[in-house]
Amino acid sequence: MMKGNSATAYNLIKRHFGERKPRCKNIRDSDGKLLMEDREIANRWKQYIEELYRDPIPLEEAFKDEQNQVEEDNRGPGILRSEFERALKDLKNGKAPGEDKISGEVIKTLGEKAQDVLYGIIQD
């Protein structure tokens, strides 16, 4: 058995499976028209991302019913600001977003005002 011969392994895989060929996917607008100009393609990506992350229910509405279901006595103590900041710092990069569809990287890069709003939502 040969060990540590990665060049031979690579050549065997290349011989049996062929060389990797880059693929080019055409970008189309929402009506199916093929886009050719860089500006049109960039605008289509912008539109796609906005549609992908558009929230059908405003954040305040999404949590309103859940908060009303929890009795005041059963809520427990609030989260300290230092705990909130530590949790932000400890968020791992490259992880899939949670139920809210917001990745850890996005939350970490929020400005101070947005983090204040987020902390306020958590406190409510």
PDB file of N, CA and C in Angstrom:
ATOM      1  N   MET A   1       0.839  -1.179   0.000  1.00  0.00           N
ATOM      2  CA  MET A   1       0.000   0.000   0.000  1.00  0.00           C
ATOM      3  C   MET A   1       0.887   1.245   0.000  1.00  0.00           C
ATOM      4  N   MET A   2       0.569   2.194  -0.882  1.00  0.00           N
ATOM      5  CA  MET A   2       1.356   3.422  -0.978  1.00  0.00           C
ATOM      6  C   MET A   2       0.737   4.488  -0.094  1.00  0.00           C
ATOM      7  N   LYS A   3       1.577   5.223   0.578  1.00  0.00           N
ATOM      8  CA  LYS A   3       1.089   6.301   1.439  1.00  0.00           C
ATOM      9  C   LYS A   3       1.769   7.598   1.036  1.00  0.00           C
ATOM     10  N   GLY A   4       1.013   8.681   1.152  1.00  0.00           N
ATOM     11  CA  GLY A   4       1.593   9.992   0.937  1.00  0.00           C
ATOM     12  C   GLY A   4       1.900  10.341  -0.502  1.00  0.00           C
ATOM     13  N   ASN A   5       1.333   9.632  -1.453  1.00  0.00           N
ATOM     14  CA  ASN A   5       1.605   9.927  -2.852  1.00  0.00           C
ATOM     15  C   ASN A   5       0.374  10.623  -3.440  1.00  0.00           C
ATOM     16  N   SER A   6       0.185  11.879  -3.065  1.00  0.00           N
ATOM     17  CA  SER A   6      -1.005  12.613  -3.489  1.00  0.00           C
ATOM     18  C   SER A   6      -0.993  12.908  -4.988  1.00  0.00           C
ATOM     19  N   ALA A   7       0.182  13.045  -5.588  1.00  0.00           N
ATOM     20  CA  ALA A   7       0.251  13.327  -7.026  1.00  0.00           C
ATOM     21  C   ALA A   7      -0.324  12.158  -7.826  1.00  0.00           C
ATOM     22  N   THR A   8       0.001  10.938  -7.423  1.00  0.00           N
ATOM     23  CA  THR A   8      -0.543   9.762  -8.110  1.00  0.00           C
ATOM     24  C   THR A   8      -2.047   9.690  -7.928  1.00  0.00           C
ATOM     25  N   ALA A   9      -2.508   9.944  -6.712  1.00  0.00           N
ATOM     26  CA  ALA A   9      -3.950   9.921  -6.452  1.00  0.00           C
ATOM     27  C   ALA A   9      -4.664  10.963  -7.309  1.00  0.00           C
ATOM     28  N   TYR A  10      -4.116  12.161  -7.379  1.00  0.00           N
ATOM     29  CA  TYR A  10      -4.715  13.226  -8.174  1.00  0.00           C
ATOM     30  C   TYR A  10      -4.772  12.822  -9.651  1.00  0.00           C
ATOM     31  N   ASN A  11      -3.689  12.263 -10.161  1.00  0.00           N
ATOM     32  CA  ASN A  11      -3.656  11.853 -11.572  1.00  0.00           C
ATOM     33  C   ASN A  11      -4.644  10.737 -11.859  1.00  0.00           C
ATOM     34  N   LEU A  12      -4.815   9.789 -10.946  1.00  0.00           N
ATOM     35  CA  LEU A  12      -5.799   8.719 -11.140  1.00  0.00           C
ATOM     36  C   LEU A  12      -7.210   9.285 -11.193  1.00  0.00           C
ATOM     37  N   ILE A  13      -7.516  10.191 -10.290  1.00  0.00           N
ATOM     38  CA  ILE A  13      -8.849  10.811 -10.283  1.00  0.00           C
ATOM     39  C   ILE A  13      -9.058  11.602 -11.565  1.00  0.00           C
ATOM     40  N   LYS A  14      -8.058  12.347 -11.982  1.00  0.00           N
ATOM     41  CA  LYS A  14      -8.155  13.145 -13.199  1.00  0.00           C
ATOM     42  C   LYS A  14      -8.367  12.249 -14.419  1.00  0.00           C
ATOM     43  N   ARG A  15      -7.659  11.122 -14.465  1.00  0.00           N
ATOM     44  CA  ARG A  15      -7.769  10.211 -15.604  1.00  0.00           C
ATOM     45  C   ARG A  15      -9.157   9.569 -15.665  1.00  0.00           C
ATOM     46  N   HIS A  16      -9.710   9.212 -14.533  1.00  0.00           N
ATOM     47  CA  HIS A  16     -11.002   8.526 -14.517  1.00  0.00           C
ATOM     48  C   HIS A  16     -12.201   9.461 -14.620  1.00  0.00           C
ATOM     49  N   PHE A  17     -12.073  10.662 -14.082  1.00  0.00           N
ATOM     50  CA  PHE A  17     -13.219  11.560 -14.060  1.00  0.00           C
ATOM     51  C   PHE A  17     -13.066  12.751 -14.993  1.00  0.00           C
ATOM     52  N   GLY A  18     -11.930  12.911 -15.598  1.00  0.00           N
ATOM     53  CA  GLY A  18     -11.708  14.019 -16.517  1.00  0.00           C
ATOM     54  C   GLY A  18     -11.379  15.300 -15.773  1.00  0.00           C
ATOM     55  N   GLU A  19     -11.029  16.300 -16.539  1.00  0.00           N
ATOM     56  CA  GLU A  19     -10.693  17.578 -15.927  1.00  0.00           C
ATOM     57  C   GLU A  19     -11.967  18.318 -15.544  1.00  0.00           C
ATOM     58  N   ARG A  20     -11.854  19.109 -14.533  1.00  0.00           N
ATOM     59  CA  ARG A  20     -12.989  19.919 -14.094  1.00  0.00           C
ATOM     60  C   ARG A  20     -13.212  21.036 -15.106  1.00  0.00           C
ATOM     61  N   LYS A  21     -14.423  21.149 -15.550  1.00  0.00           N
ATOM     62  CA  LYS A  21     -14.750  22.174 -16.537  1.00  0.00           C
ATOM     63  C   LYS A  21     -15.642  23.217 -15.879  1.00  0.00           C
ATOM     64  N   PRO A  22     -15.238  24.471 -15.944  1.00  0.00           N
ATOM     65  CA  PRO A  22     -16.081  25.510 -15.342  1.00  0.00           C
ATOM     66  C   PRO A  22     -17.409  25.610 -16.080  1.00  0.00           C
ATOM     67  N   ARG A  23     -18.433  25.842 -15.306  1.00  0.00           N
ATOM     68  CA  ARG A  23     -19.766  25.977 -15.895  1.00  0.00           C
ATOM     69  C   ARG A  23     -20.203  27.430 -15.811  1.00  0.00           C
ATOM     70  N   CYS A  24     -20.932  27.824 -16.795  1.00  0.00           N
ATOM     71  CA  CYS A  24     -21.437  29.196 -16.815  1.00  0.00           C
ATOM     72  C   CYS A  24     -22.954  29.134 -16.856  1.00  0.00           C
ATOM     73  N   LYS A  25     -23.574  29.672 -15.855  1.00  0.00           N
ATOM     74  CA  LYS A  25     -25.029  29.728 -15.826  1.00  0.00           C
ATOM     75  C   LYS A  25     -25.458  31.093 -16.349  1.00  0.00           C
ATOM     76  N   ASN A  26     -26.442  31.092 -17.202  1.00  0.00           N
ATOM     77  CA  ASN A  26     -26.971  32.340 -17.721  1.00  0.00           C
ATOM     78  C   ASN A  26     -27.845  32.995 -16.665  1.00  0.00           C
ATOM     79  N   ILE A  27     -27.781  34.304 -16.592  1.00  0.00           N
ATOM     80  CA  ILE A  27     -28.602  35.060 -15.654  1.00  0.00           C
ATOM     81  C   ILE A  27     -29.786  35.625 -16.432  1.00  0.00           C
ATOM     82  N   ARG A  28     -30.972  35.388 -15.886  1.00  0.00           N
ATOM     83  CA  ARG A  28     -32.190  35.867 -16.536  1.00  0.00           C
ATOM     84  C   ARG A  28     -32.945  36.774 -15.580  1.00  0.00           C
ATOM     85  N   ASP A  29     -33.707  37.694 -16.153  1.00  0.00           N
ATOM     86  CA  ASP A  29     -34.517  38.566 -15.310  1.00  0.00           C
ATOM     87  C   ASP A  29     -35.753  37.816 -14.833  1.00  0.00           C
ATOM     88  N   SER A  30     -36.603  38.479 -14.073  1.00  0.00           N
ATOM     89  CA  SER A  30     -37.772  37.813 -13.500  1.00  0.00           C
ATOM     90  C   SER A  30     -38.764  37.348 -14.571  1.00  0.00           C
ATOM     91  N   ASP A  31     -38.686  37.916 -15.767  1.00  0.00           N
ATOM     92  CA  ASP A  31     -39.549  37.495 -16.871  1.00  0.00           C
ATOM     93  C   ASP A  31     -38.919  36.407 -17.732  1.00  0.00           C
ATOM     94  N   GLY A  32     -37.685  36.004 -17.425  1.00  0.00           N
ATOM     95  CA  GLY A  32     -37.014  34.951 -18.172  1.00  0.00           C
ATOM     96  C   GLY A  32     -36.132  35.456 -19.306  1.00  0.00           C
ATOM     97  N   LYS A  33     -36.024  36.771 -19.460  1.00  0.00           N
ATOM     98  CA  LYS A  33     -35.196  37.351 -20.521  1.00  0.00           C
ATOM     99  C   LYS A  33     -33.723  37.238 -20.133  1.00  0.00           C
ATOM    100  N   LEU A  34     -32.898  36.768 -21.058  1.00  0.00           N
ATOM    101  CA  LEU A  34     -31.468  36.615 -20.828  1.00  0.00           C
ATOM    102  C   LEU A  34     -30.808  37.984 -20.686  1.00  0.00           C
ATOM    103  N   LEU A  35     -30.024  38.141 -19.607  1.00  0.00           N
ATOM    104  CA  LEU A  35     -29.340  39.409 -19.359  1.00  0.00           C
ATOM    105  C   LEU A  35     -27.903  39.302 -19.835  1.00  0.00           C
ATOM    106  N   MET A  36     -27.430  40.347 -20.524  1.00  0.00           N
ATOM    107  CA  MET A  36     -26.079  40.335 -21.080  1.00  0.00           C
ATOM    108  C   MET A  36     -25.186  41.416 -20.469  1.00  0.00           C
ATOM    109  N   GLU A  37     -25.740  42.532 -20.092  1.00  0.00           N
ATOM    110  CA  GLU A  37     -24.956  43.654 -19.581  1.00  0.00           C
ATOM    111  C   GLU A  37     -24.643  43.451 -18.098  1.00  0.00           C
ATOM    112  N   ASP A  38     -23.419  43.832 -17.718  1.00  0.00           N
ATOM    113  CA  ASP A  38     -23.000  43.689 -16.324  1.00  0.00           C
ATOM    114  C   ASP A  38     -23.929  44.431 -15.373  1.00  0.00           C
ATOM    115  N   ARG A  39     -24.355  45.607 -15.761  1.00  0.00           N
ATOM    116  CA  ARG A  39     -25.241  46.410 -14.915  1.00  0.00           C
ATOM    117  C   ARG A  39     -26.588  45.712 -14.716  1.00  0.00           C
ATOM    118  N   GLU A  40     -27.119  45.136 -15.786  1.00  0.00           N
ATOM    119  CA  GLU A  40     -28.389  44.415 -15.685  1.00  0.00           C
ATOM    120  C   GLU A  40     -28.253  43.199 -14.771  1.00  0.00           C
ATOM    121  N   ILE A  41     -27.134  42.492 -14.905  1.00  0.00           N
ATOM    122  CA  ILE A  41     -26.892  41.306 -14.081  1.00  0.00           C
ATOM    123  C   ILE A  41     -26.762  41.712 -12.611  1.00  0.00           C
ATOM    124  N   ALA A  42     -26.035  42.785 -12.347  1.00  0.00           N
ATOM    125  CA  ALA A  42     -25.886  43.264 -10.967  1.00  0.00           C
ATOM    126  C   ALA A  42     -27.231  43.671 -10.382  1.00  0.00           C
ATOM    127  N   ASN A  43     -28.049  44.347 -11.183  1.00  0.00           N
ATOM    128  CA  ASN A  43     -29.383  44.741 -10.707  1.00  0.00           C
ATOM    129  C   ASN A  43     -30.254  43.522 -10.427  1.00  0.00           C
ATOM    130  N   ARG A  44     -30.120  42.495 -11.265  1.00  0.00           N
ATOM    131  CA  ARG A  44     -30.902  41.271 -11.049  1.00  0.00           C
ATOM    132  C   ARG A  44     -30.474  40.586  -9.764  1.00  0.00           C
ATOM    133  N   TRP A  45     -29.158  40.528  -9.483  1.00  0.00           N
ATOM    134  CA  TRP A  45     -28.680  39.938  -8.232  1.00  0.00           C
ATOM    135  C   TRP A  45     -29.219  40.730  -7.046  1.00  0.00           C
ATOM    136  N   LYS A  46     -29.209  42.051  -7.149  1.00  0.00           N
ATOM    137  CA  LYS A  46     -29.740  42.904  -6.083  1.00  0.00           C
ATOM    138  C   LYS A  46     -31.214  42.588  -5.844  1.00  0.00           C
ATOM    139  N   GLN A  47     -31.971  42.501  -6.923  1.00  0.00           N
ATOM    140  CA  GLN A  47     -33.393  42.188  -6.822  1.00  0.00           C
ATOM    141  C   GLN A  47     -33.594  40.812  -6.188  1.00  0.00           C
ATOM    142  N   TYR A  48     -32.804  39.836  -6.602  1.00  0.00           N
ATOM    143  CA  TYR A  48     -32.913  38.476  -6.070  1.00  0.00           C
ATOM    144  C   TYR A  48     -32.636  38.447  -4.560  1.00  0.00           C
ATOM    145  N   ILE A  49     -31.569  39.124  -4.142  1.00  0.00           N
ATOM    146  CA  ILE A  49     -31.211  39.147  -2.716  1.00  0.00           C
ATOM    147  C   ILE A  49     -32.302  39.834  -1.906  1.00  0.00           C
ATOM    148  N   GLU A  50     -32.829  40.936  -2.422  1.00  0.00           N
ATOM    149  CA  GLU A  50     -33.902  41.636  -1.709  1.00  0.00           C
ATOM    150  C   GLU A  50     -35.133  40.745  -1.571  1.00  0.00           C
ATOM    151  N   GLU A  51     -35.487  40.020  -2.616  1.00  0.00           N
ATOM    152  CA  GLU A  51     -36.631  39.101  -2.548  1.00  0.00           C
ATOM    153  C   GLU A  51     -36.356  37.961  -1.572  1.00  0.00           C
ATOM    154  N   LEU A  52     -35.134  37.477  -1.582  1.00  0.00           N
ATOM    155  CA  LEU A  52     -34.766  36.356  -0.730  1.00  0.00           C
ATOM    156  C   LEU A  52     -34.874  36.716   0.751  1.00  0.00           C
ATOM    157  N   TYR A  53     -34.466  37.926   1.099  1.00  0.00           N
ATOM    158  CA  TYR A  53     -34.430  38.315   2.505  1.00  0.00           C
ATOM    159  C   TYR A  53     -35.595  39.214   2.918  1.00  0.00           C
ATOM    160  N   ARG A  54     -36.565  39.397   2.048  1.00  0.00           N
ATOM    161  CA  ARG A  54     -37.724  40.197   2.414  1.00  0.00           C
ATOM    162  C   ARG A  54     -38.535  39.415   3.440  1.00  0.00           C
ATOM    163  N   ASP A  55     -38.896  40.079   4.504  1.00  0.00           N
ATOM    164  CA  ASP A  55     -39.646  39.436   5.571  1.00  0.00           C
ATOM    165  C   ASP A  55     -41.130  39.649   5.305  1.00  0.00           C
ATOM    166  N   PRO A  56     -41.893  38.568   5.111  1.00  0.00           N
ATOM    167  CA  PRO A  56     -43.310  38.744   4.843  1.00  0.00           C
ATOM    168  C   PRO A  56     -44.070  39.309   6.051  1.00  0.00           C
ATOM    169  N   ILE A  57     -43.515  39.106   7.257  1.00  0.00           N
ATOM    170  CA  ILE A  57     -44.140  39.619   8.473  1.00  0.00           C
ATOM    171  C   ILE A  57     -43.123  40.530   9.151  1.00  0.00           C
ATOM    172  N   PRO A  58     -43.508  41.770   9.475  1.00  0.00           N
ATOM    173  CA  PRO A  58     -42.567  42.640  10.187  1.00  0.00           C
ATOM    174  C   PRO A  58     -42.117  41.990  11.493  1.00  0.00           C
ATOM    175  N   LEU A  59     -40.876  42.267  11.883  1.00  0.00           N
ATOM    176  CA  LEU A  59     -40.277  41.653  13.059  1.00  0.00           C
ATOM    177  C   LEU A  59     -41.115  41.870  14.311  1.00  0.00           C
ATOM    178  N   GLU A  60     -41.651  43.082  14.479  1.00  0.00           N
ATOM    179  CA  GLU A  60     -42.459  43.371  15.664  1.00  0.00           C
ATOM    180  C   GLU A  60     -43.698  42.486  15.716  1.00  0.00           C
ATOM    181  N   GLU A  61     -44.334  42.281  14.569  1.00  0.00           N
ATOM    182  CA  GLU A  61     -45.537  41.455  14.503  1.00  0.00           C
ATOM    183  C   GLU A  61     -45.223  39.989  14.752  1.00  0.00           C
ATOM    184  N   ALA A  62     -44.073  39.530  14.278  1.00  0.00           N
ATOM    185  CA  ALA A  62     -43.709  38.123  14.413  1.00  0.00           C
ATOM    186  C   ALA A  62     -43.568  37.722  15.870  1.00  0.00           C
ATOM    187  N   PHE A  63     -43.078  38.618  16.707  1.00  0.00           N
ATOM    188  CA  PHE A  63     -42.842  38.281  18.110  1.00  0.00           C
ATOM    189  C   PHE A  63     -43.976  38.718  19.032  1.00  0.00           C
ATOM    190  N   LYS A  64     -44.909  39.515  18.540  1.00  0.00           N
ATOM    191  CA  LYS A  64     -45.978  40.046  19.384  1.00  0.00           C
ATOM    192  C   LYS A  64     -46.815  38.931  20.004  1.00  0.00           C
ATOM    193  N   ASP A  65     -47.281  37.988  19.199  1.00  0.00           N
ATOM    194  CA  ASP A  65     -48.142  36.916  19.707  1.00  0.00           C
ATOM    195  C   ASP A  65     -47.407  36.022  20.694  1.00  0.00           C
ATOM    196  N   GLU A  66     -46.158  35.700  20.408  1.00  0.00           N
ATOM    197  CA  GLU A  66     -45.388  34.839  21.296  1.00  0.00           C
ATOM    198  C   GLU A  66     -45.200  35.491  22.658  1.00  0.00           C
ATOM    199  N   GLN A  67     -44.943  36.784  22.684  1.00  0.00           N
ATOM    200  CA  GLN A  67     -44.733  37.475  23.946  1.00  0.00           C
ATOM    201  C   GLN A  67     -46.017  37.545  24.754  1.00  0.00           C
ATOM    202  N   ASN A  68     -47.131  37.693  24.081  1.00  0.00           N
ATOM    203  CA  ASN A  68     -48.398  37.762  24.794  1.00  0.00           C
ATOM    204  C   ASN A  68     -48.767  36.417  25.417  1.00  0.00           C
ATOM    205  N   GLN A  69     -48.268  35.319  24.862  1.00  0.00           N
ATOM    206  CA  GLN A  69     -48.593  33.993  25.382  1.00  0.00           C
ATOM    207  C   GLN A  69     -47.832  33.690  26.673  1.00  0.00           C
ATOM    208  N   VAL A  70     -46.728  34.350  26.893  1.00  0.00           N
ATOM    209  CA  VAL A  70     -45.910  34.095  28.074  1.00  0.00           C
ATOM    210  C   VAL A  70     -46.380  35.012  29.201  1.00  0.00           C
ATOM    211  N   GLU A  71     -46.747  34.412  30.313  1.00  0.00           N
ATOM    212  CA  GLU A  71     -47.168  35.223  31.448  1.00  0.00           C
ATOM    213  C   GLU A  71     -45.974  35.972  32.021  1.00  0.00           C
ATOM    214  N   GLU A  72     -46.244  37.144  32.564  1.00  0.00           N
ATOM    215  CA  GLU A  72     -45.189  37.996  33.109  1.00  0.00           C
ATOM    216  C   GLU A  72     -44.379  37.279  34.179  1.00  0.00           C
ATOM    217  N   ASP A  73     -45.023  36.492  35.040  1.00  0.00           N
ATOM    218  CA  ASP A  73     -44.321  35.799  36.124  1.00  0.00           C
ATOM    219  C   ASP A  73     -43.391  34.709  35.616  1.00  0.00           C
ATOM    220  N   ASN A  74     -43.659  34.149  34.468  1.00  0.00           N
ATOM    221  CA  ASN A  74     -42.880  33.025  33.945  1.00  0.00           C
ATOM    222  C   ASN A  74     -41.727  33.449  33.043  1.00  0.00           C
ATOM    223  N   ARG A  75     -41.521  34.720  32.859  1.00  0.00           N
ATOM    224  CA  ARG A  75     -40.480  35.187  31.947  1.00  0.00           C
ATOM    225  C   ARG A  75     -39.081  35.011  32.502  1.00  0.00           C
ATOM    226  N   GLY A  76     -38.891  35.145  33.773  1.00  0.00           N
ATOM    227  CA  GLY A  76     -37.562  35.026  34.352  1.00  0.00           C
ATOM    228  C   GLY A  76     -36.806  36.330  34.230  1.00  0.00           C
ATOM    229  N   PRO A  77     -35.561  36.351  34.714  1.00  0.00           N
ATOM    230  CA  PRO A  77     -34.789  37.591  34.678  1.00  0.00           C
ATOM    231  C   PRO A  77     -34.386  37.954  33.249  1.00  0.00           C
ATOM    232  N   GLY A  78     -34.212  39.244  33.027  1.00  0.00           N
ATOM    233  CA  GLY A  78     -33.793  39.719  31.714  1.00  0.00           C
ATOM    234  C   GLY A  78     -32.325  39.395  31.445  1.00  0.00           C
ATOM    235  N   ILE A  79     -31.927  39.645  30.229  1.00  0.00           N
ATOM    236  CA  ILE A  79     -30.539  39.399  29.827  1.00  0.00           C
ATOM    237  C   ILE A  79     -29.751  40.680  30.046  1.00  0.00           C
ATOM    238  N   LEU A  80     -28.607  40.566  30.705  1.00  0.00           N
ATOM    239  CA  LEU A  80     -27.747  41.729  30.930  1.00  0.00           C
ATOM    240  C   LEU A  80     -27.104  42.162  29.624  1.00  0.00           C
ATOM    241  N   ARG A  81     -26.811  43.449  29.510  1.00  0.00           N
ATOM    242  CA  ARG A  81     -26.159  43.969  28.298  1.00  0.00           C
ATOM    243  C   ARG A  81     -24.812  43.278  28.091  1.00  0.00           C
ATOM    244  N   SER A  82     -24.090  43.020  29.169  1.00  0.00           N
ATOM    245  CA  SER A  82     -22.786  42.352  29.046  1.00  0.00           C
ATOM    246  C   SER A  82     -22.953  40.924  28.502  1.00  0.00           C
ATOM    247  N   GLU A  83     -24.031  40.247  28.884  1.00  0.00           N
ATOM    248  CA  GLU A  83     -24.304  38.901  28.356  1.00  0.00           C
ATOM    249  C   GLU A  83     -24.623  38.971  26.864  1.00  0.00           C
ATOM    250  N   PHE A  84     -25.391  39.985  26.491  1.00  0.00           N
ATOM    251  CA  PHE A  84     -25.744  40.195  25.088  1.00  0.00           C
ATOM    252  C   PHE A  84     -24.492  40.443  24.253  1.00  0.00           C
ATOM    253  N   GLU A  85     -23.625  41.329  24.732  1.00  0.00           N
ATOM    254  CA  GLU A  85     -22.397  41.647  23.993  1.00  0.00           C
ATOM    255  C   GLU A  85     -21.472  40.437  23.906  1.00  0.00           C
ATOM    256  N   ARG A  86     -21.395  39.656  24.979  1.00  0.00           N
ATOM    257  CA  ARG A  86     -20.566  38.446  24.973  1.00  0.00           C
ATOM    258  C   ARG A  86     -21.101  37.434  23.953  1.00  0.00           C
ATOM    259  N   ALA A  87     -22.429  37.293  23.905  1.00  0.00           N
ATOM    260  CA  ALA A  87     -23.046  36.365  22.943  1.00  0.00           C
ATOM    261  C   ALA A  87     -22.738  36.803  21.513  1.00  0.00           C
ATOM    262  N   LEU A  88     -22.792  38.115  21.243  1.00  0.00           N
ATOM    263  CA  LEU A  88     -22.442  38.619  19.904  1.00  0.00           C
ATOM    264  C   LEU A  88     -20.998  38.300  19.569  1.00  0.00           C
ATOM    265  N   LYS A  89     -20.120  38.502  20.526  1.00  0.00           N
ATOM    266  CA  LYS A  89     -18.701  38.252  20.303  1.00  0.00           C
ATOM    267  C   LYS A  89     -18.433  36.771  20.040  1.00  0.00           C
ATOM    268  N   ASP A  90     -19.183  35.895  20.717  1.00  0.00           N
ATOM    269  CA  ASP A  90     -18.958  34.455  20.608  1.00  0.00           C
ATOM    270  C   ASP A  90     -19.627  33.807  19.396  1.00  0.00           C
ATOM    271  N   LEU A  91     -20.432  34.582  18.641  1.00  0.00           N
ATOM    272  CA  LEU A  91     -21.078  34.007  17.456  1.00  0.00           C
ATOM    273  C   LEU A  91     -20.018  33.505  16.483  1.00  0.00           C
ATOM    274  N   LYS A  92     -20.175  32.292  16.013  1.00  0.00           N
ATOM    275  CA  LYS A  92     -19.236  31.702  15.063  1.00  0.00           C
ATOM    276  C   LYS A  92     -19.553  32.183  13.647  1.00  0.00           C
ATOM    277  N   ASN A  93     -18.524  32.382  12.843  1.00  0.00           N
ATOM    278  CA  ASN A  93     -18.695  32.750  11.437  1.00  0.00           C
ATOM    279  C   ASN A  93     -18.920  31.495  10.604  1.00  0.00           C
ATOM    280  N   GLY A  94     -19.619  31.662   9.500  1.00  0.00           N
ATOM    281  CA  GLY A  94     -19.802  30.562   8.557  1.00  0.00           C
ATOM    282  C   GLY A  94     -20.891  29.587   8.934  1.00  0.00           C
ATOM    283  N   LYS A  95     -21.679  29.897   9.948  1.00  0.00           N
ATOM    284  CA  LYS A  95     -22.758  29.001  10.348  1.00  0.00           C
ATOM    285  C   LYS A  95     -24.040  29.398   9.632  1.00  0.00           C
ATOM    286  N   ALA A  96     -24.915  28.426   9.453  1.00  0.00           N
ATOM    287  CA  ALA A  96     -26.201  28.693   8.810  1.00  0.00           C
ATOM    288  C   ALA A  96     -27.039  29.596   9.706  1.00  0.00           C
ATOM    289  N   PRO A  97     -27.819  30.496   9.101  1.00  0.00           N
ATOM    290  CA  PRO A  97     -28.666  31.365   9.918  1.00  0.00           C
ATOM    291  C   PRO A  97     -29.748  30.562  10.623  1.00  0.00           C
ATOM    292  N   GLY A  98     -30.259  31.130  11.672  1.00  0.00           N
ATOM    293  CA  GLY A  98     -31.305  30.470  12.442  1.00  0.00           C
ATOM    294  C   GLY A  98     -32.670  30.694  11.827  1.00  0.00           C
ATOM    295  N   GLU A  99     -33.673  30.544  12.672  1.00  0.00           N
ATOM    296  CA  GLU A  99     -35.054  30.677  12.225  1.00  0.00           C
ATOM    297  C   GLU A  99     -35.347  32.072  11.679  1.00  0.00           C
ATOM    298  N   ASP A 100     -34.616  33.065  12.190  1.00  0.00           N
ATOM    299  CA  ASP A 100     -34.820  34.448  11.750  1.00  0.00           C
ATOM    300  C   ASP A 100     -34.175  34.753  10.399  1.00  0.00           C
ATOM    301  N   LYS A 101     -33.419  33.801   9.858  1.00  0.00           N
ATOM    302  CA  LYS A 101     -32.757  33.932   8.549  1.00  0.00           C
ATOM    303  C   LYS A 101     -31.670  35.013   8.544  1.00  0.00           C
ATOM    304  N   ILE A 102     -31.143  35.347   9.724  1.00  0.00           N
ATOM    305  CA  ILE A 102     -30.081  36.343   9.825  1.00  0.00           C
ATOM    306  C   ILE A 102     -28.813  35.634  10.269  1.00  0.00           C
ATOM    307  N   SER A 103     -27.752  35.754   9.489  1.00  0.00           N
ATOM    308  CA  SER A 103     -26.505  35.067   9.830  1.00  0.00           C
ATOM    309  C   SER A 103     -25.786  35.790  10.967  1.00  0.00           C
ATOM    310  N   GLY A 104     -24.918  35.075  11.649  1.00  0.00           N
ATOM    311  CA  GLY A 104     -24.135  35.644  12.735  1.00  0.00           C
ATOM    312  C   GLY A 104     -23.258  36.785  12.270  1.00  0.00           C
ATOM    313  N   GLU A 105     -22.721  36.677  11.050  1.00  0.00           N
ATOM    314  CA  GLU A 105     -21.865  37.736  10.523  1.00  0.00           C
ATOM    315  C   GLU A 105     -22.625  39.048  10.393  1.00  0.00           C
ATOM    316  N   VAL A 106     -23.876  38.967   9.949  1.00  0.00           N
ATOM    317  CA  VAL A 106     -24.689  40.176   9.784  1.00  0.00           C
ATOM    318  C   VAL A 106     -24.947  40.810  11.144  1.00  0.00           C
ATOM    319  N   ILE A 107     -25.312  40.012  12.117  1.00  0.00           N
ATOM    320  CA  ILE A 107     -25.599  40.532  13.456  1.00  0.00           C
ATOM    321  C   ILE A 107     -24.349  41.161  14.064  1.00  0.00           C
ATOM    322  N   LYS A 108     -23.199  40.515  13.858  1.00  0.00           N
ATOM    323  CA  LYS A 108     -21.950  41.039  14.422  1.00  0.00           C
ATOM    324  C   LYS A 108     -21.559  42.380  13.807  1.00  0.00           C
ATOM    325  N   THR A 109     -21.914  42.612  12.554  1.00  0.00           N
ATOM    326  CA  THR A 109     -21.506  43.844  11.881  1.00  0.00           C
ATOM    327  C   THR A 109     -22.518  44.979  12.039  1.00  0.00           C
ATOM    328  N   LEU A 110     -23.594  44.729  12.762  1.00  0.00           N
ATOM    329  CA  LEU A 110     -24.564  45.793  12.991  1.00  0.00           C
ATOM    330  C   LEU A 110     -23.891  46.944  13.733  1.00  0.00           C
ATOM    331  N   GLY A 111     -24.320  48.125  13.456  1.00  0.00           N
ATOM    332  CA  GLY A 111     -23.802  49.276  14.184  1.00  0.00           C
ATOM    333  C   GLY A 111     -24.337  49.296  15.611  1.00  0.00           C
ATOM    334  N   GLU A 112     -23.845  50.225  16.390  1.00  0.00           N
ATOM    335  CA  GLU A 112     -24.228  50.293  17.798  1.00  0.00           C
ATOM    336  C   GLU A 112     -25.723  50.569  17.967  1.00  0.00           C
ATOM    337  N   LYS A 113     -26.273  51.437  17.124  1.00  0.00           N
ATOM    338  CA  LYS A 113     -27.705  51.752  17.230  1.00  0.00           C
ATOM    339  C   LYS A 113     -28.558  50.525  16.930  1.00  0.00           C
ATOM    340  N   ALA A 114     -28.182  49.775  15.897  1.00  0.00           N
ATOM    341  CA  ALA A 114     -28.939  48.567  15.547  1.00  0.00           C
ATOM    342  C   ALA A 114     -28.807  47.515  16.640  1.00  0.00           C
ATOM    343  N   GLN A 115     -27.631  47.417  17.252  1.00  0.00           N
ATOM    344  CA  GLN A 115     -27.452  46.474  18.355  1.00  0.00           C
ATOM    345  C   GLN A 115     -28.292  46.893  19.552  1.00  0.00           C
ATOM    346  N   ASP A 116     -28.426  48.213  19.779  1.00  0.00           N
ATOM    347  CA  ASP A 116     -29.297  48.696  20.854  1.00  0.00           C
ATOM    348  C   ASP A 116     -30.740  48.285  20.603  1.00  0.00           C
ATOM    349  N   VAL A 117     -31.182  48.418  19.359  1.00  0.00           N
ATOM    350  CA  VAL A 117     -32.549  48.018  19.004  1.00  0.00           C
ATOM    351  C   VAL A 117     -32.736  46.522  19.226  1.00  0.00           C
ATOM    352  N   LEU A 118     -31.784  45.737  18.774  1.00  0.00           N
ATOM    353  CA  LEU A 118     -31.852  44.293  18.941  1.00  0.00           C
ATOM    354  C   LEU A 118     -31.876  43.915  20.421  1.00  0.00           C
ATOM    355  N   TYR A 119     -31.063  44.561  21.231  1.00  0.00           N
ATOM    356  CA  TYR A 119     -31.046  44.315  22.671  1.00  0.00           C
ATOM    357  C   TYR A 119     -32.399  44.687  23.286  1.00  0.00           C
ATOM    358  N   GLY A 120     -32.979  45.798  22.816  1.00  0.00           N
ATOM    359  CA  GLY A 120     -34.300  46.203  23.298  1.00  0.00           C
ATOM    360  C   GLY A 120     -35.370  45.187  22.957  1.00  0.00           C
ATOM    361  N   ILE A 121     -35.309  44.616  21.770  1.00  0.00           N
ATOM    362  CA  ILE A 121     -36.273  43.572  21.369  1.00  0.00           C
ATOM    363  C   ILE A 121     -36.144  42.373  22.279  1.00  0.00           C
ATOM    364  N   ILE A 122     -34.909  42.005  22.589  1.00  0.00           N
ATOM    365  CA  ILE A 122     -34.674  40.848  23.460  1.00  0.00           C
ATOM    366  C   ILE A 122     -35.220  41.117  24.859  1.00  0.00           C
ATOM    367  N   GLN A 123     -35.077  42.353  25.326  1.00  0.00           N
ATOM    368  CA  GLN A 123     -35.555  42.704  26.666  1.00  0.00           C
ATOM    369  C   GLN A 123     -37.069  42.706  26.757  1.00  0.00           C
ATOM    370  N   ASP A 124     -37.727  43.045  25.670  1.00  0.00           N
ATOM    371  CA  ASP A 124     -39.199  43.072  25.678  1.00  0.00           C
ATOM    372  C   ASP A 124     -39.689  41.672  25.649  1.00  0.00           C
TER     373      ASP A 124
END
